[in-house]
Amino acid sequence: MKAIAKIGNLISNNDKLMILRNLGRIMDIRVIDLEVDTGKLIFLYYSPIALEQVKQELWRIGYPIRHFKFLSTLCPNLQDDSSTETAFA
């Protein structure tokens, strides 16, 4: 499944590198993009447990998730909002 998360406290490229390094240790996710200027993290996760691990790890290192947007795997592009669900972390 695809998710977009808005991350708090993301200021610099050093923050971005730390997040990418730590999330890279989680086996069942793949980071697609992390934008420093908007704080937007786009990633794929393969299980609900992996999603929880992402939330916990980001909170642990000081970059809490402000809210999520879940995208359907059937939706081929990120611009189609007809099949999304938003959740607050």
PDB file of N, CA and C in Angstrom:
ATOM      1  N   MET A   1       0.850  -1.176   0.000  1.00  0.00           N
ATOM      2  CA  MET A   1       0.000   0.000   0.000  1.00  0.00           C
ATOM      3  C   MET A   1       0.893   1.236   0.000  1.00  0.00           C
ATOM      4  N   LYS A   2       0.361   2.305  -0.520  1.00  0.00           N
ATOM      5  CA  LYS A   2       1.101   3.552  -0.620  1.00  0.00           C
ATOM      6  C   LYS A   2       0.570   4.525   0.423  1.00  0.00           C
ATOM      7  N   ALA A   3       1.471   5.297   1.018  1.00  0.00           N
ATOM      8  CA  ALA A   3       1.063   6.284   2.007  1.00  0.00           C
ATOM      9  C   ALA A   3       1.878   7.555   1.834  1.00  0.00           C
ATOM     10  N   ILE A   4       1.235   8.670   2.160  1.00  0.00           N
ATOM     11  CA  ILE A   4       1.916   9.960   2.233  1.00  0.00           C
ATOM     12  C   ILE A   4       1.774  10.431   3.672  1.00  0.00           C
ATOM     13  N   ALA A   5       2.897  10.802   4.272  1.00  0.00           N
ATOM     14  CA  ALA A   5       2.883  11.279   5.650  1.00  0.00           C
ATOM     15  C   ALA A   5       3.472  12.678   5.697  1.00  0.00           C
ATOM     16  N   LYS A   6       2.874  13.529   6.503  1.00  0.00           N
ATOM     17  CA  LYS A   6       3.411  14.861   6.763  1.00  0.00           C
ATOM     18  C   LYS A   6       4.202  14.761   8.064  1.00  0.00           C
ATOM     19  N   ILE A   7       5.499  15.062   7.976  1.00  0.00           N
ATOM     20  CA  ILE A   7       6.402  14.882   9.112  1.00  0.00           C
ATOM     21  C   ILE A   7       6.709  16.226   9.751  1.00  0.00           C
ATOM     22  N   GLY A   8       6.734  16.253  11.081  1.00  0.00           N
ATOM     23  CA  GLY A   8       7.093  17.452  11.811  1.00  0.00           C
ATOM     24  C   GLY A   8       8.591  17.514  12.069  1.00  0.00           C
ATOM     25  N   ASN A   9       9.105  18.711  12.309  1.00  0.00           N
ATOM     26  CA  ASN A   9      10.493  18.969  12.696  1.00  0.00           C
ATOM     27  C   ASN A   9      11.515  18.675  11.603  1.00  0.00           C
ATOM     28  N   LEU A  10      11.098  18.514  10.371  1.00  0.00           N
ATOM     29  CA  LEU A  10      12.014  18.247   9.265  1.00  0.00           C
ATOM     30  C   LEU A  10      12.489  19.583   8.706  1.00  0.00           C
ATOM     31  N   ILE A  11      13.781  19.900   8.920  1.00  0.00           N
ATOM     32  CA  ILE A  11      14.294  21.220   8.569  1.00  0.00           C
ATOM     33  C   ILE A  11      15.391  21.168   7.513  1.00  0.00           C
ATOM     34  N   SER A  12      16.311  20.223   7.642  1.00  0.00           N
ATOM     35  CA  SER A  12      17.497  20.244   6.781  1.00  0.00           C
ATOM     36  C   SER A  12      17.731  18.911   6.081  1.00  0.00           C
ATOM     37  N   ASN A  13      18.722  18.902   5.202  1.00  0.00           N
ATOM     38  CA  ASN A  13      19.100  17.659   4.535  1.00  0.00           C
ATOM     39  C   ASN A  13      19.694  16.655   5.513  1.00  0.00           C
ATOM     40  N   ASN A  14      20.312  17.132   6.600  1.00  0.00           N
ATOM     41  CA  ASN A  14      20.810  16.213   7.629  1.00  0.00           C
ATOM     42  C   ASN A  14      19.653  15.455   8.270  1.00  0.00           C
ATOM     43  N   ASP A  15      18.536  16.156   8.500  1.00  0.00           N
ATOM     44  CA  ASP A  15      17.336  15.499   9.028  1.00  0.00           C
ATOM     45  C   ASP A  15      16.854  14.436   8.045  1.00  0.00           C
ATOM     46  N   LYS A  16      16.842  14.791   6.780  1.00  0.00           N
ATOM     47  CA  LYS A  16      16.396  13.863   5.738  1.00  0.00           C
ATOM     48  C   LYS A  16      17.264  12.607   5.718  1.00  0.00           C
ATOM     49  N   LEU A  17      18.574  12.781   5.788  1.00  0.00           N
ATOM     50  CA  LEU A  17      19.484  11.632   5.771  1.00  0.00           C
ATOM     51  C   LEU A  17      19.280  10.728   6.980  1.00  0.00           C
ATOM     52  N   MET A  18      19.039  11.331   8.156  1.00  0.00           N
ATOM     53  CA  MET A  18      18.801  10.532   9.355  1.00  0.00           C
ATOM     54  C   MET A  18      17.519   9.710   9.210  1.00  0.00           C
ATOM     55  N   ILE A  19      16.474  10.340   8.702  1.00  0.00           N
ATOM     56  CA  ILE A  19      15.199   9.642   8.519  1.00  0.00           C
ATOM     57  C   ILE A  19      15.353   8.504   7.517  1.00  0.00           C
ATOM     58  N   LEU A  20      15.997   8.779   6.388  1.00  0.00           N
ATOM     59  CA  LEU A  20      16.179   7.739   5.375  1.00  0.00           C
ATOM     60  C   LEU A  20      17.015   6.580   5.906  1.00  0.00           C
ATOM     61  N   ARG A  21      18.052   6.892   6.664  1.00  0.00           N
ATOM     62  CA  ARG A  21      18.894   5.841   7.246  1.00  0.00           C
ATOM     63  C   ARG A  21      18.088   4.959   8.199  1.00  0.00           C
ATOM     64  N   ASN A  22      17.342   5.583   9.084  1.00  0.00           N
ATOM     65  CA  ASN A  22      16.597   4.812  10.082  1.00  0.00           C
ATOM     66  C   ASN A  22      15.443   4.035   9.467  1.00  0.00           C
ATOM     67  N   LEU A  23      14.734   4.632   8.514  1.00  0.00           N
ATOM     68  CA  LEU A  23      13.634   3.909   7.878  1.00  0.00           C
ATOM     69  C   LEU A  23      14.153   2.796   6.976  1.00  0.00           C
ATOM     70  N   GLY A  24      15.362   2.939   6.473  1.00  0.00           N
ATOM     71  CA  GLY A  24      15.962   1.901   5.643  1.00  0.00           C
ATOM     72  C   GLY A  24      16.180   0.594   6.385  1.00  0.00           C
ATOM     73  N   ARG A  25      16.166   0.636   7.691  1.00  0.00           N
ATOM     74  CA  ARG A  25      16.339  -0.565   8.515  1.00  0.00           C
ATOM     75  C   ARG A  25      15.053  -1.368   8.671  1.00  0.00           C
ATOM     76  N   ILE A  26      13.935  -0.781   8.304  1.00  0.00           N
ATOM     77  CA  ILE A  26      12.648  -1.473   8.409  1.00  0.00           C
ATOM     78  C   ILE A  26      12.440  -2.271   7.130  1.00  0.00           C
ATOM     79  N   MET A  27      12.286  -3.564   7.270  1.00  0.00           N
ATOM     80  CA  MET A  27      12.296  -4.463   6.122  1.00  0.00           C
ATOM     81  C   MET A  27      11.101  -4.299   5.178  1.00  0.00           C
ATOM     82  N   ASP A  28       9.917  -4.084   5.689  1.00  0.00           N
ATOM     83  CA  ASP A  28       8.710  -4.132   4.865  1.00  0.00           C
ATOM     84  C   ASP A  28       8.228  -2.775   4.364  1.00  0.00           C
ATOM     85  N   ILE A  29       9.142  -1.821   4.216  1.00  0.00           N
ATOM     86  CA  ILE A  29       8.763  -0.536   3.621  1.00  0.00           C
ATOM     87  C   ILE A  29       9.787  -0.144   2.561  1.00  0.00           C
ATOM     88  N   ARG A  30       9.375   0.762   1.697  1.00  0.00           N
ATOM     89  CA  ARG A  30      10.284   1.354   0.715  1.00  0.00           C
ATOM     90  C   ARG A  30       9.948   2.834   0.589  1.00  0.00           C
ATOM     91  N   VAL A  31      10.911   3.680   0.903  1.00  0.00           N
ATOM     92  CA  VAL A  31      10.715   5.123   0.792  1.00  0.00           C
ATOM     93  C   VAL A  31      10.815   5.512  -0.675  1.00  0.00           C
ATOM     94  N   ILE A  32       9.810   6.215  -1.156  1.00  0.00           N
ATOM     95  CA  ILE A  32       9.799   6.685  -2.535  1.00  0.00           C
ATOM     96  C   ILE A  32      10.361   8.099  -2.614  1.00  0.00           C
ATOM     97  N   ASP A  33       9.940   8.967  -1.690  1.00  0.00           N
ATOM     98  CA  ASP A  33      10.409  10.350  -1.716  1.00  0.00           C
ATOM     99  C   ASP A  33      10.272  10.961  -0.336  1.00  0.00           C
ATOM    100  N   LEU A  34      11.174  11.874  -0.017  1.00  0.00           N
ATOM    101  CA  LEU A  34      11.107  12.652   1.210  1.00  0.00           C
ATOM    102  C   LEU A  34      11.506  14.076   0.859  1.00  0.00           C
ATOM    103  N   GLU A  35      10.561  14.999   0.980  1.00  0.00           N
ATOM    104  CA  GLU A  35      10.780  16.397   0.611  1.00  0.00           C
ATOM    105  C   GLU A  35      11.011  17.233   1.863  1.00  0.00           C
ATOM    106  N   VAL A  36      12.177  17.851   1.943  1.00  0.00           N
ATOM    107  CA  VAL A  36      12.522  18.652   3.113  1.00  0.00           C
ATOM    108  C   VAL A  36      11.637  19.891   3.208  1.00  0.00           C
ATOM    109  N   ASP A  37      11.405  20.567   2.091  1.00  0.00           N
ATOM    110  CA  ASP A  37      10.660  21.833   2.126  1.00  0.00           C
ATOM    111  C   ASP A  37       9.203  21.666   2.527  1.00  0.00           C
ATOM    112  N   THR A  38       8.580  20.545   2.197  1.00  0.00           N
ATOM    113  CA  THR A  38       7.170  20.336   2.549  1.00  0.00           C
ATOM    114  C   THR A  38       6.985  19.367   3.713  1.00  0.00           C
ATOM    115  N   GLY A  39       8.020  18.604   4.051  1.00  0.00           N
ATOM    116  CA  GLY A  39       7.908  17.596   5.104  1.00  0.00           C
ATOM    117  C   GLY A  39       7.106  16.386   4.675  1.00  0.00           C
ATOM    118  N   LYS A  40       6.990  16.174   3.379  1.00  0.00           N
ATOM    119  CA  LYS A  40       6.170  15.084   2.850  1.00  0.00           C
ATOM    120  C   LYS A  40       7.024  13.837   2.630  1.00  0.00           C
ATOM    121  N   LEU A  41       6.583  12.727   3.219  1.00  0.00           N
ATOM    122  CA  LEU A  41       7.229  11.427   3.054  1.00  0.00           C
ATOM    123  C   LEU A  41       6.272  10.526   2.289  1.00  0.00           C
ATOM    124  N   ILE A  42       6.721  10.003   1.158  1.00  0.00           N
ATOM    125  CA  ILE A  42       5.919   9.067   0.367  1.00  0.00           C
ATOM    126  C   ILE A  42       6.613   7.720   0.442  1.00  0.00           C
ATOM    127  N   PHE A  43       5.867   6.691   0.828  1.00  0.00           N
ATOM    128  CA  PHE A  43       6.475   5.376   0.969  1.00  0.00           C
ATOM    129  C   PHE A  43       5.472   4.269   0.697  1.00  0.00           C
ATOM    130  N   LEU A  44       6.012   3.097   0.423  1.00  0.00           N
ATOM    131  CA  LEU A  44       5.219   1.880   0.282  1.00  0.00           C
ATOM    132  C   LEU A  44       5.413   1.051   1.534  1.00  0.00           C
ATOM    133  N   TYR A  45       4.339   0.448   2.019  1.00  0.00           N
ATOM    134  CA  TYR A  45       4.465  -0.475   3.143  1.00  0.00           C
ATOM    135  C   TYR A  45       3.698  -1.738   2.802  1.00  0.00           C
ATOM    136  N   TYR A  46       4.200  -2.846   3.305  1.00  0.00           N
ATOM    137  CA  TYR A  46       3.667  -4.140   2.893  1.00  0.00           C
ATOM    138  C   TYR A  46       2.865  -4.836   3.977  1.00  0.00           C
ATOM    139  N   SER A  47       2.775  -4.231   5.169  1.00  0.00           N
ATOM    140  CA  SER A  47       1.973  -4.816   6.242  1.00  0.00           C
ATOM    141  C   SER A  47       1.605  -3.716   7.238  1.00  0.00           C
ATOM    142  N   PRO A  48       0.532  -3.925   7.987  1.00  0.00           N
ATOM    143  CA  PRO A  48       0.166  -2.953   9.027  1.00  0.00           C
ATOM    144  C   PRO A  48       1.254  -2.819  10.092  1.00  0.00           C
ATOM    145  N   ILE A  49       1.970  -3.894  10.347  1.00  0.00           N
ATOM    146  CA  ILE A  49       3.054  -3.852  11.332  1.00  0.00           C
ATOM    147  C   ILE A  49       4.157  -2.913  10.851  1.00  0.00           C
ATOM    148  N   ALA A  50       4.479  -2.972   9.566  1.00  0.00           N
ATOM    149  CA  ALA A  50       5.503  -2.085   9.011  1.00  0.00           C
ATOM    150  C   ALA A  50       5.084  -0.624   9.136  1.00  0.00           C
ATOM    151  N   LEU A  51       3.816  -0.338   8.927  1.00  0.00           N
ATOM    152  CA  LEU A  51       3.314   1.026   9.073  1.00  0.00           C
ATOM    153  C   LEU A  51       3.489   1.506  10.510  1.00  0.00           C
ATOM    154  N   GLU A  52       3.181   0.657  11.461  1.00  0.00           N
ATOM    155  CA  GLU A  52       3.374   1.002  12.875  1.00  0.00           C
ATOM    156  C   GLU A  52       4.850   1.218  13.188  1.00  0.00           C
ATOM    157  N   GLN A  53       5.717   0.413  12.603  1.00  0.00           N
ATOM    158  CA  GLN A  53       7.156   0.576  12.818  1.00  0.00           C
ATOM    159  C   GLN A  53       7.636   1.925  12.295  1.00  0.00           C
ATOM    160  N   VAL A  54       7.114   2.358  11.160  1.00  0.00           N
ATOM    161  CA  VAL A  54       7.470   3.673  10.620  1.00  0.00           C
ATOM    162  C   VAL A  54       7.042   4.764  11.595  1.00  0.00           C
ATOM    163  N   LYS A  55       5.801   4.705  12.068  1.00  0.00           N
ATOM    164  CA  LYS A  55       5.305   5.716  13.009  1.00  0.00           C
ATOM    165  C   LYS A  55       6.147   5.748  14.276  1.00  0.00           C
ATOM    166  N   GLN A  56       6.443   4.575  14.827  1.00  0.00           N
ATOM    167  CA  GLN A  56       7.219   4.502  16.066  1.00  0.00           C
ATOM    168  C   GLN A  56       8.646   5.002  15.876  1.00  0.00           C
ATOM    169  N   GLU A  57       9.277   4.626  14.781  1.00  0.00           N
ATOM    170  CA  GLU A  57      10.662   5.036  14.543  1.00  0.00           C
ATOM    171  C   GLU A  57      10.764   6.539  14.332  1.00  0.00           C
ATOM    172  N   LEU A  58       9.860   7.106  13.565  1.00  0.00           N
ATOM    173  CA  LEU A  58       9.889   8.553  13.355  1.00  0.00           C
ATOM    174  C   LEU A  58       9.651   9.302  14.662  1.00  0.00           C
ATOM    175  N   TRP A  59       8.743   8.819  15.474  1.00  0.00           N
ATOM    176  CA  TRP A  59       8.497   9.445  16.774  1.00  0.00           C
ATOM    177  C   TRP A  59       9.733   9.319  17.663  1.00  0.00           C
ATOM    178  N   ARG A  60      10.362   8.141  17.652  1.00  0.00           N
ATOM    179  CA  ARG A  60      11.525   7.873  18.501  1.00  0.00           C
ATOM    180  C   ARG A  60      12.691   8.810  18.180  1.00  0.00           C
ATOM    181  N   ILE A  61      12.905   9.114  16.903  1.00  0.00           N
ATOM    182  CA  ILE A  61      14.039   9.961  16.525  1.00  0.00           C
ATOM    183  C   ILE A  61      13.675  11.451  16.445  1.00  0.00           C
ATOM    184  N   GLY A  62      12.445  11.794  16.817  1.00  0.00           N
ATOM    185  CA  GLY A  62      12.071  13.199  16.941  1.00  0.00           C
ATOM    186  C   GLY A  62      11.420  13.839  15.731  1.00  0.00           C
ATOM    187  N   TYR A  63      10.877  13.018  14.830  1.00  0.00           N
ATOM    188  CA  TYR A  63      10.182  13.525  13.644  1.00  0.00           C
ATOM    189  C   TYR A  63       8.780  12.919  13.592  1.00  0.00           C
ATOM    190  N   PRO A  64       7.891  13.383  14.462  1.00  0.00           N
ATOM    191  CA  PRO A  64       6.559  12.761  14.524  1.00  0.00           C
ATOM    192  C   PRO A  64       5.752  12.996  13.252  1.00  0.00           C
ATOM    193  N   ILE A  65       4.901  12.048  12.949  1.00  0.00           N
ATOM    194  CA  ILE A  65       4.005  12.174  11.804  1.00  0.00           C
ATOM    195  C   ILE A  65       2.799  12.996  12.230  1.00  0.00           C
ATOM    196  N   ARG A  66       2.511  14.049  11.478  1.00  0.00           N
ATOM    197  CA  ARG A  66       1.366  14.918  11.774  1.00  0.00           C
ATOM    198  C   ARG A  66       0.067  14.320  11.241  1.00  0.00           C
ATOM    199  N   HIS A  67       0.083  13.811  10.026  1.00  0.00           N
ATOM    200  CA  HIS A  67      -1.079  13.101   9.485  1.00  0.00           C
ATOM    201  C   HIS A  67      -0.661  12.236   8.303  1.00  0.00           C
ATOM    202  N   PHE A  68      -1.534  11.279   7.990  1.00  0.00           N
ATOM    203  CA  PHE A  68      -1.319  10.319   6.903  1.00  0.00           C
ATOM    204  C   PHE A  68      -2.351  10.517   5.813  1.00  0.00           C
ATOM    205  N   LYS A  69      -1.983  10.087   4.637  1.00  0.00           N
ATOM    206  CA  LYS A  69      -2.939   9.930   3.549  1.00  0.00           C
ATOM    207  C   LYS A  69      -2.622   8.578   2.928  1.00  0.00           C
ATOM    208  N   PHE A  70      -3.577   7.677   2.977  1.00  0.00           N
ATOM    209  CA  PHE A  70      -3.385   6.339   2.426  1.00  0.00           C
ATOM    210  C   PHE A  70      -3.891   6.330   0.993  1.00  0.00           C
ATOM    211  N   LEU A  71      -3.086   5.798   0.087  1.00  0.00           N
ATOM    212  CA  LEU A  71      -3.452   5.746  -1.318  1.00  0.00           C
ATOM    213  C   LEU A  71      -3.679   4.307  -1.727  1.00  0.00           C
ATOM    214  N   SER A  72      -4.718   4.087  -2.491  1.00  0.00           N
ATOM    215  CA  SER A  72      -5.037   2.750  -2.973  1.00  0.00           C
ATOM    216  C   SER A  72      -3.944   2.256  -3.905  1.00  0.00           C
ATOM    217  N   THR A  73      -3.629   0.972  -3.835  1.00  0.00           N
ATOM    218  CA  THR A  73      -2.641   0.395  -4.743  1.00  0.00           C
ATOM    219  C   THR A  73      -3.197   0.307  -6.156  1.00  0.00           C
ATOM    220  N   LEU A  74      -4.508   0.433  -6.309  1.00  0.00           N
ATOM    221  CA  LEU A  74      -5.116   0.400  -7.634  1.00  0.00           C
ATOM    222  C   LEU A  74      -4.996   1.735  -8.351  1.00  0.00           C
ATOM    223  N   CYS A  75      -4.682   2.776  -7.608  1.00  0.00           N
ATOM    224  CA  CYS A  75      -4.577   4.125  -8.163  1.00  0.00           C
ATOM    225  C   CYS A  75      -3.163   4.342  -8.699  1.00  0.00           C
ATOM    226  N   PRO A  76      -2.979   4.455  -9.999  1.00  0.00           N
ATOM    227  CA  PRO A  76      -1.634   4.523 -10.556  1.00  0.00           C
ATOM    228  C   PRO A  76      -0.914   5.852 -10.371  1.00  0.00           C
ATOM    229  N   ASN A  77      -1.649   6.936 -10.130  1.00  0.00           N
ATOM    230  CA  ASN A  77      -0.927   8.191  -9.937  1.00  0.00           C
ATOM    231  C   ASN A  77      -1.339   8.854  -8.638  1.00  0.00           C
ATOM    232  N   LEU A  78      -0.428   9.647  -8.095  1.00  0.00           N
ATOM    233  CA  LEU A  78      -0.649  10.256  -6.790  1.00  0.00           C
ATOM    234  C   LEU A  78      -1.620  11.425  -6.841  1.00  0.00           C
ATOM    235  N   GLN A  79      -1.995  11.890  -8.008  1.00  0.00           N
ATOM    236  CA  GLN A  79      -2.870  13.043  -8.131  1.00  0.00           C
ATOM    237  C   GLN A  79      -4.347  12.683  -7.998  1.00  0.00           C
ATOM    238  N   ASP A  80      -4.704  11.427  -8.151  1.00  0.00           N
ATOM    239  CA  ASP A  80      -6.099  11.001  -8.092  1.00  0.00           C
ATOM    240  C   ASP A  80      -6.521  10.851  -6.640  1.00  0.00           C
ATOM    241  N   ASP A  81      -7.305  11.795  -6.135  1.00  0.00           N
ATOM    242  CA  ASP A  81      -7.737  11.771  -4.745  1.00  0.00           C
ATOM    243  C   ASP A  81      -9.053  11.033  -4.558  1.00  0.00           C
ATOM    244  N   SER A  82      -9.575  10.391  -5.584  1.00  0.00           N
ATOM    245  CA  SER A  82     -10.876   9.742  -5.476  1.00  0.00           C
ATOM    246  C   SER A  82     -10.833   8.488  -4.615  1.00  0.00           C
ATOM    247  N   SER A  83      -9.662   7.920  -4.397  1.00  0.00           N
ATOM    248  CA  SER A  83      -9.578   6.682  -3.618  1.00  0.00           C
ATOM    249  C   SER A  83      -8.575   6.827  -2.483  1.00  0.00           C
ATOM    250  N   THR A  84      -8.714   7.901  -1.701  1.00  0.00           N
ATOM    251  CA  THR A  84      -7.785   8.125  -0.604  1.00  0.00           C
ATOM    252  C   THR A  84      -8.512   8.114   0.722  1.00  0.00           C
ATOM    253  N   GLU A  85      -7.740   7.942   1.757  1.00  0.00           N
ATOM    254  CA  GLU A  85      -8.252   7.991   3.109  1.00  0.00           C
ATOM    255  C   GLU A  85      -7.230   8.747   3.935  1.00  0.00           C
ATOM    256  N   THR A  86      -7.671   9.693   4.742  1.00  0.00           N
ATOM    257  CA  THR A  86      -6.758  10.483   5.554  1.00  0.00           C
ATOM    258  C   THR A  86      -6.933  10.116   7.015  1.00  0.00           C
ATOM    259  N   ALA A  87      -5.813  10.037   7.724  1.00  0.00           N
ATOM    260  CA  ALA A  87      -5.835   9.746   9.153  1.00  0.00           C
ATOM    261  C   ALA A  87      -4.856  10.677   9.839  1.00  0.00           C
ATOM    262  N   PHE A  88      -5.153  11.018  11.073  1.00  0.00           N
ATOM    263  CA  PHE A  88      -4.253  11.844  11.858  1.00  0.00           C
ATOM    264  C   PHE A  88      -3.492  10.951  12.808  1.00  0.00           C
ATOM    265  N   ALA A  89      -2.191  11.212  12.923  1.00  0.00           N
ATOM    266  CA  ALA A  89      -1.343  10.388  13.788  1.00  0.00           C
ATOM    267  C   ALA A  89      -1.384  10.902  15.205  1.00  0.00           C
TER     268      ALA A  89
END
